[in-house]
Protein backbone atom coordinates (compact mmCIF):
# COMPACT_ATOMS: atom_id res chain seq x y z
CA UNK A 1 4.30 -12.40 -22.81
CA UNK A 2 3.94 -8.76 -23.79
CA UNK A 3 0.92 -7.72 -25.83
CA UNK A 4 0.66 -6.71 -29.44
CA UNK A 5 -1.12 -3.42 -29.96
CA UNK A 6 -4.85 -3.97 -29.34
CA UNK A 7 -7.13 -1.06 -30.12
CA UNK A 8 -10.86 -0.61 -29.86
CA UNK A 9 -11.79 -4.14 -28.79
CA UNK A 10 -14.34 -4.79 -26.05
CA UNK A 11 -13.10 -5.80 -22.60
CA UNK A 12 -14.60 -9.11 -21.49
CA UNK A 13 -15.35 -9.29 -17.77
CA UNK A 14 -15.29 -12.83 -16.41
CA UNK A 15 -17.92 -14.53 -14.31
CA UNK A 16 -17.31 -16.92 -11.38
CA UNK A 17 -16.96 -20.07 -13.51
CA UNK A 18 -14.52 -18.42 -15.91
CA UNK A 19 -12.48 -17.03 -13.03
CA UNK A 20 -12.31 -20.47 -11.42
CA UNK A 21 -10.89 -21.94 -14.63
CA UNK A 22 -8.32 -19.14 -14.76
CA UNK A 23 -7.51 -19.80 -11.10
CA UNK A 24 -6.84 -23.47 -11.93
CA UNK A 25 -4.61 -22.38 -14.81
CA UNK A 26 -2.78 -20.03 -12.48
CA UNK A 27 -2.15 -22.81 -9.94
CA UNK A 28 -0.48 -24.93 -12.60
CA UNK A 29 1.55 -21.90 -13.61
CA UNK A 30 2.67 -21.37 -10.00
CA UNK A 31 3.74 -25.01 -9.67
CA UNK A 32 5.75 -24.70 -12.87
CA UNK A 33 7.48 -21.56 -11.63
CA UNK A 34 8.34 -23.27 -8.33
CA UNK A 35 9.89 -26.21 -10.17
CA UNK A 36 11.90 -23.89 -12.42
CA UNK A 37 13.22 -21.94 -9.44
CA UNK A 38 14.50 -25.19 -7.92
CA UNK A 39 16.33 -26.10 -11.13
CA UNK A 40 18.04 -22.78 -11.93
CA UNK A 41 21.78 -23.01 -11.24
CA UNK A 42 25.14 -22.43 -12.90
CA UNK A 43 25.75 -25.07 -15.58
CA UNK A 44 22.08 -25.60 -16.45
CA UNK A 45 21.02 -24.85 -20.02
CA UNK A 46 17.94 -22.82 -20.80
CA UNK A 47 16.72 -25.71 -22.97
CA UNK A 48 16.80 -27.97 -19.89
CA UNK A 49 14.62 -25.45 -18.06
CA UNK A 50 12.27 -25.30 -21.02
CA UNK A 51 11.83 -29.07 -20.96
CA UNK A 52 11.15 -29.02 -17.22
CA UNK A 53 8.46 -26.38 -17.66
CA UNK A 54 6.76 -28.23 -20.48
CA UNK A 55 6.80 -31.50 -18.51
CA UNK A 56 5.19 -29.92 -15.43
CA UNK A 57 2.47 -28.23 -17.49
CA UNK A 58 1.61 -31.29 -19.57
CA UNK A 59 1.66 -33.65 -16.57
CA UNK A 60 -1.05 -31.43 -15.07
CA UNK A 61 -3.18 -31.95 -18.19
CA UNK A 62 -2.63 -28.38 -19.36
CA UNK A 63 -1.03 -26.85 -22.46
CA UNK A 64 2.01 -24.52 -22.62
CA UNK A 65 0.42 -21.49 -24.26
CA UNK A 66 3.58 -19.92 -25.69
CA UNK A 67 4.62 -22.99 -27.68
CA UNK A 68 3.49 -22.38 -31.24
CA UNK A 69 1.98 -18.97 -30.44
CA UNK A 70 2.66 -16.82 -33.51
CA UNK A 71 5.38 -19.36 -34.31
CA UNK A 72 7.28 -19.20 -31.00
CA UNK A 73 9.07 -22.55 -30.67
CA UNK A 74 9.33 -23.07 -26.90
CA UNK A 75 7.41 -23.28 -23.62
CA UNK A 76 9.31 -20.50 -21.83
CA UNK A 77 10.86 -17.25 -22.93
CA UNK A 78 14.49 -17.33 -21.74
CA UNK A 79 15.74 -13.96 -20.52
CA UNK A 80 19.45 -13.87 -19.64
CA UNK A 81 21.13 -10.63 -18.55
CA UNK A 82 20.35 -8.01 -21.26
CA UNK A 83 17.45 -9.97 -22.81
CA UNK A 84 14.20 -8.23 -21.92
CA UNK A 85 11.72 -10.74 -23.40
CA UNK A 86 11.21 -13.55 -25.92
CA UNK A 87 14.55 -15.32 -25.81
CA UNK A 88 14.40 -18.82 -27.30
CA UNK A 89 15.84 -21.49 -24.98
CA UNK A 90 18.83 -23.42 -26.30
CA UNK A 91 21.10 -26.29 -25.27
CA UNK A 92 23.98 -23.95 -26.09
CA UNK A 93 22.77 -21.24 -23.69
CA UNK A 94 24.32 -22.28 -20.37
CA UNK A 95 23.65 -20.31 -17.20
CA UNK A 96 26.79 -19.06 -15.48
CA UNK A 97 27.64 -17.81 -12.03
CA UNK A 98 26.82 -14.09 -11.89
CA UNK A 99 24.11 -14.14 -14.58
CA UNK A 100 20.54 -13.09 -13.96
CA UNK A 101 17.87 -15.28 -15.52
CA UNK A 102 14.22 -14.58 -16.21
CA UNK A 103 11.51 -16.90 -17.45
CA UNK A 104 8.17 -15.87 -18.92
CA UNK A 105 5.60 -18.63 -19.48
CA UNK A 106 1.92 -19.25 -20.04
CA UNK A 107 -0.54 -22.06 -19.31
CA UNK A 108 -3.87 -23.00 -20.88
CA UNK A 109 -6.32 -24.96 -18.74
CA UNK A 110 -9.70 -25.90 -20.25
CA UNK A 111 -9.31 -23.07 -22.75
CA UNK A 112 -8.31 -20.39 -20.21
CA UNK A 113 -4.94 -18.68 -19.95
CA UNK A 114 -2.54 -17.64 -17.22
CA UNK A 115 0.69 -15.73 -17.85
CA UNK A 116 3.55 -14.79 -15.57
CA UNK A 117 7.26 -14.10 -15.30
CA UNK A 118 10.05 -13.92 -12.74
CA UNK A 119 13.77 -13.09 -12.60
CA UNK A 120 16.39 -14.60 -10.28
CA UNK A 121 20.14 -14.39 -9.70
CA UNK A 122 22.24 -17.34 -10.86
CA UNK A 123 24.58 -18.05 -7.97
CA UNK A 124 26.35 -15.00 -6.57
CA UNK A 125 25.65 -11.78 -8.51
CA UNK A 126 26.65 -8.15 -8.17
CA UNK A 127 24.75 -5.76 -5.93
CA UNK A 128 23.25 -3.71 -8.75
CA UNK A 129 21.76 -6.81 -10.34
CA UNK A 130 20.27 -7.86 -7.01
CA UNK A 131 18.79 -4.39 -6.57
CA UNK A 132 17.41 -4.43 -10.13
CA UNK A 133 15.60 -7.70 -9.43
CA UNK A 134 14.31 -6.46 -6.08
CA UNK A 135 13.05 -3.13 -7.42
CA UNK A 136 11.30 -4.79 -10.36
CA UNK A 137 9.52 -7.29 -8.12
CA UNK A 138 8.55 -4.54 -5.68
CA UNK A 139 7.21 -2.40 -8.54
CA UNK A 140 4.89 -5.26 -9.48
CA UNK A 141 3.70 -5.42 -5.88
CA UNK A 142 2.94 -1.70 -5.93
CA UNK A 143 1.07 -2.09 -9.22
CA UNK A 144 -1.08 -4.86 -7.73
CA UNK A 145 -2.04 -2.57 -4.84
CA UNK A 146 -3.70 -0.33 -7.45
CA UNK A 147 -5.82 -3.15 -8.87
CA UNK A 148 -9.26 -2.42 -7.48
CA UNK A 149 -12.59 -1.41 -8.96
CA UNK A 150 -12.77 2.32 -9.69
CA UNK A 151 -9.06 2.81 -10.28
CA UNK A 152 -7.63 3.16 -13.79
CA UNK A 153 -4.81 1.71 -15.86
CA UNK A 154 -3.06 5.04 -15.25
CA UNK A 155 -2.89 4.24 -11.52
CA UNK A 156 -1.09 0.96 -12.26
CA UNK A 157 1.31 2.56 -14.72
CA UNK A 158 2.16 5.44 -12.41
CA UNK A 159 2.83 3.10 -9.46
CA UNK A 160 5.42 1.17 -11.47
CA UNK A 161 7.13 4.08 -13.18
CA UNK A 162 7.42 6.37 -10.15
CA UNK A 163 8.98 3.65 -8.00
CA UNK A 164 11.37 2.34 -10.65
CA UNK A 165 12.64 5.74 -11.72
CA UNK A 166 13.09 6.88 -8.11
CA UNK A 167 15.38 3.86 -7.69
CA UNK A 168 17.51 5.00 -10.65
CA UNK A 169 16.31 2.41 -13.18
CA UNK A 170 14.12 2.73 -16.28
CA UNK A 171 10.84 1.17 -17.41
CA UNK A 172 10.72 -0.41 -20.85
CA UNK A 173 8.25 1.59 -22.95
CA UNK A 174 8.13 -0.42 -26.17
CA UNK A 175 6.38 -3.36 -24.44
CA UNK A 176 3.25 -3.47 -22.29
CA UNK A 177 1.06 -5.83 -20.28
CA UNK A 178 -2.42 -6.86 -21.35
CA UNK A 179 -5.81 -8.27 -20.61
CA UNK A 180 -6.04 -12.05 -20.60
CA UNK A 181 -8.71 -14.76 -20.52
CA UNK A 182 -9.83 -17.19 -23.21
CA UNK A 183 -7.16 -15.51 -25.36
CA UNK A 184 -3.55 -14.87 -24.44
CA UNK A 185 -3.86 -11.20 -25.36
CA UNK A 186 -7.09 -9.32 -24.74
CA UNK A 187 -7.82 -5.65 -24.15
CA UNK A 188 -6.93 -3.51 -22.33
CA UNK A 189 -3.24 -2.80 -22.75
CA UNK A 190 -1.47 -2.25 -19.42
CA UNK A 191 1.56 0.06 -19.80
CA UNK A 192 4.13 0.35 -17.00
CA UNK A 193 4.68 4.05 -17.68
CA UNK A 194 2.63 7.22 -18.18
CA UNK A 195 3.51 9.27 -21.24
CA UNK A 196 1.71 12.44 -20.19
CA UNK A 197 -1.31 12.00 -22.44
CA UNK A 198 -4.91 11.18 -21.70
CA UNK A 199 -6.65 8.53 -23.73
CA UNK A 200 -8.47 5.27 -23.99
CA UNK A 201 -5.71 3.10 -22.51
CA UNK A 202 -4.80 5.16 -19.44
CA UNK A 203 -8.37 6.20 -18.67
CA UNK A 204 -9.72 2.64 -18.72
CA UNK A 205 -11.52 2.03 -15.44
CA UNK A 206 -10.97 -1.21 -13.60
CA UNK A 207 -14.17 -3.16 -13.01
CA UNK A 208 -15.00 -6.35 -11.18
CA UNK A 209 -14.35 -9.39 -13.37
CA UNK A 210 -11.57 -7.83 -15.45
CA UNK A 211 -8.45 -10.00 -15.72
CA UNK A 212 -5.02 -8.56 -16.44
CA UNK A 213 -1.44 -9.70 -16.97
CA UNK A 214 0.63 -6.97 -15.31
CA UNK A 215 4.33 -7.18 -16.16
CA UNK A 216 6.94 -4.55 -15.31
CA UNK A 217 10.07 -4.86 -17.47
CA UNK A 218 12.87 -2.79 -15.94
CA UNK A 219 16.33 -1.95 -17.28
CA UNK A 220 19.41 -1.02 -15.28
CA UNK A 221 20.26 1.52 -18.00
CA UNK A 222 18.04 3.32 -20.50
CA UNK A 223 14.57 2.21 -21.51
CA UNK A 224 15.37 1.66 -25.22
CA UNK A 225 15.30 -1.87 -26.63
CA UNK A 226 15.85 -3.57 -30.00
CA UNK A 227 14.88 -6.86 -31.62
CA UNK A 228 17.65 -9.36 -32.26
CA UNK A 229 18.35 -10.88 -35.68
CA UNK A 230 16.39 -14.04 -34.80
CA UNK A 231 13.17 -12.03 -34.97
CA UNK A 232 12.20 -12.87 -31.37
CA UNK A 233 14.71 -11.85 -28.74
CA UNK A 234 14.36 -8.27 -27.44
CA UNK A 235 17.48 -6.79 -25.82
CA UNK A 236 18.35 -3.57 -24.05
CA UNK A 237 19.79 -1.04 -26.50
CA UNK A 238 22.72 -0.16 -24.22
CA UNK A 239 23.54 -3.71 -23.13
CA UNK A 240 22.42 -3.14 -19.54
CA UNK A 241 20.68 -5.90 -17.62
CA UNK A 242 16.92 -6.23 -17.50
CA UNK A 243 14.48 -7.84 -15.06
CA UNK A 244 10.87 -8.92 -15.59
CA UNK A 245 8.08 -9.89 -13.20
CA UNK A 246 4.47 -10.68 -14.07
CA UNK A 247 1.27 -11.97 -12.49
CA UNK A 248 -2.17 -12.70 -13.89
CA UNK A 249 -4.75 -11.02 -11.66
CA UNK A 250 -8.50 -10.54 -11.39
CA UNK A 251 -10.30 -7.41 -10.21
CA UNK A 252 -12.64 -8.48 -7.40
CA UNK A 253 -15.10 -6.69 -5.13
CA UNK A 254 -12.33 -6.55 -2.49
CA UNK A 255 -9.47 -5.46 -4.75
CA UNK A 256 -7.06 -7.87 -6.42
CA UNK A 257 -6.91 -11.65 -6.65
CA UNK A 258 -3.49 -12.92 -7.85
CA UNK A 259 -4.35 -15.95 -9.97
CA UNK A 260 -0.70 -17.01 -10.47
CA UNK A 261 0.31 -16.63 -6.82
CA UNK A 262 2.37 -19.48 -5.32
């Protein structure tokens, strides 16, 4: 789930015990994602998927962190076609052959958060949609390669933006990733683009023990988005499709530990 604007707050670096709790949270998250992937098919409603996710999380003794967060009513954010983030699942929203579907979800285990997202084709989809999904996932992989002590947030942002734009797509600029830990949203912000300025966000150095939710959101058309009338759903301004991938990661002495990895 993308971050609200966080300015001036101290970055909390996690110790071994805290990281282990986040790792346990991330494992539950990964199991939930695997179960969702199995269930996604034409004819399935997004509310059905939401119920599956909540069941998996609660059966593990964890809590779905999005449900009730700032009033959000569901376990997953449902992202169909032109929805970038924060769609509310519904029994009336039925997946159809040719759609693309993304889910963003969070888990709390013993007070510690994990957050992640993925996008998949629903049945057979067009080539551009497949390429959009592939490029977005690959851009996350390139971002994770930059997660090592001594690098900066700018290195992550540049890795995503340069790859996505070279592929002919655009990076959403109104929404960013974030730090994560005992709170869903912690500093620092993690943009997926570089706006040409220097400053606190881009110049933030990565240090061992930092934990981040890195989440490229990529549009097939322009980068502009708008908020739907329901006050939650964010859509592409031009109606183009959007894809979203996210992992929760920790900066370690060796580079990057993906806490939400399968």
